[in-house]
C-alpha atoms as a PDB file:
ATOM      1  CA  UNK A   1     104.060  -4.713 -89.002  1.00  0.00           C
ATOM      2  CA  UNK A   2     102.835  -4.220 -92.566  1.00  0.00           C
ATOM      3  CA  UNK A   3     100.192  -1.844 -91.262  1.00  0.00           C
ATOM      4  CA  UNK A   4     102.787   0.303 -89.493  1.00  0.00           C
ATOM      5  CA  UNK A   5     104.893   0.473 -92.654  1.00  0.00           C
ATOM      6  CA  UNK A   6     101.849   1.545 -94.648  1.00  0.00           C
ATOM      7  CA  UNK A   7     101.172   4.310 -92.123  1.00  0.00           C
ATOM      8  CA  UNK A   8     104.712   5.531 -92.639  1.00  0.00           C
ATOM      9  CA  UNK A   9     104.579   5.685 -96.428  1.00  0.00           C
ATOM     10  CA  UNK A  10     100.944   6.021 -97.540  1.00  0.00           C
ATOM     11  CA  UNK A  11      98.707   9.085 -97.187  1.00  0.00           C
ATOM     12  CA  UNK A  12      96.325   8.919 -94.262  1.00  0.00           C
ATOM     13  CA  UNK A  13      92.662   8.198 -95.067  1.00  0.00           C
ATOM     14  CA  UNK A  14      90.150  10.620 -93.513  1.00  0.00           C
ATOM     15  CA  UNK A  15      88.964   7.826 -91.204  1.00  0.00           C
ATOM     16  CA  UNK A  16      92.285   7.972 -89.390  1.00  0.00           C
ATOM     17  CA  UNK A  17      91.227  11.385 -88.197  1.00  0.00           C
ATOM     18  CA  UNK A  18      93.158  14.222 -86.633  1.00  0.00           C
ATOM     19  CA  UNK A  19      95.270  11.831 -84.549  1.00  0.00           C
ATOM     20  CA  UNK A  20      97.695  11.275 -87.434  1.00  0.00           C
ATOM     21  CA  UNK A  21      97.465  14.687 -89.029  1.00  0.00           C
ATOM     22  CA  UNK A  22     100.687  16.256 -87.620  1.00  0.00           C
ATOM     23  CA  UNK A  23     103.622  14.657 -89.491  1.00  0.00           C
ATOM     24  CA  UNK A  24     106.188  17.036 -88.009  1.00  0.00           C
ATOM     25  CA  UNK A  25     105.025  16.531 -84.440  1.00  0.00           C
ATOM     26  CA  UNK A  26     105.980  14.027 -81.770  1.00  0.00           C
ATOM     27  CA  UNK A  27     102.226  13.436 -81.509  1.00  0.00           C
ATOM     28  CA  UNK A  28     102.514  11.379 -84.697  1.00  0.00           C
ATOM     29  CA  UNK A  29     104.493   8.708 -82.879  1.00  0.00           C
ATOM     30  CA  UNK A  30     101.979   8.596 -80.044  1.00  0.00           C
ATOM     31  CA  UNK A  31      99.091   8.578 -82.486  1.00  0.00           C
ATOM     32  CA  UNK A  32     100.661   5.713 -84.386  1.00  0.00           C
ATOM     33  CA  UNK A  33     100.829   3.707 -81.170  1.00  0.00           C
ATOM     34  CA  UNK A  34      97.189   4.509 -80.432  1.00  0.00           C
ATOM     35  CA  UNK A  35      96.136   3.632 -83.956  1.00  0.00           C
ATOM     36  CA  UNK A  36      98.054   0.338 -83.779  1.00  0.00           C
ATOM     37  CA  UNK A  37      96.396  -0.512 -80.466  1.00  0.00           C
ATOM     38  CA  UNK A  38      92.957   0.212 -81.905  1.00  0.00           C
ATOM     39  CA  UNK A  39      93.742  -1.853 -84.996  1.00  0.00           C
ATOM     40  CA  UNK A  40      95.061  -4.781 -82.952  1.00  0.00           C
ATOM     41  CA  UNK A  41      92.097  -4.787 -80.577  1.00  0.00           C
ATOM     42  CA  UNK A  42      89.687  -4.823 -83.525  1.00  0.00           C
ATOM     43  CA  UNK A  43      91.452  -7.752 -85.165  1.00  0.00           C
END
């Protein structure tokens, strides 16, 4: 949950890539879910 909050408030590092680069788009929500899945599967 802390990770998701950081994504909401902190600037995105380049490593996060173009997935999270559209703050005004619905894609951001989808990208956040994808990013969270990737993060969880790596942990």
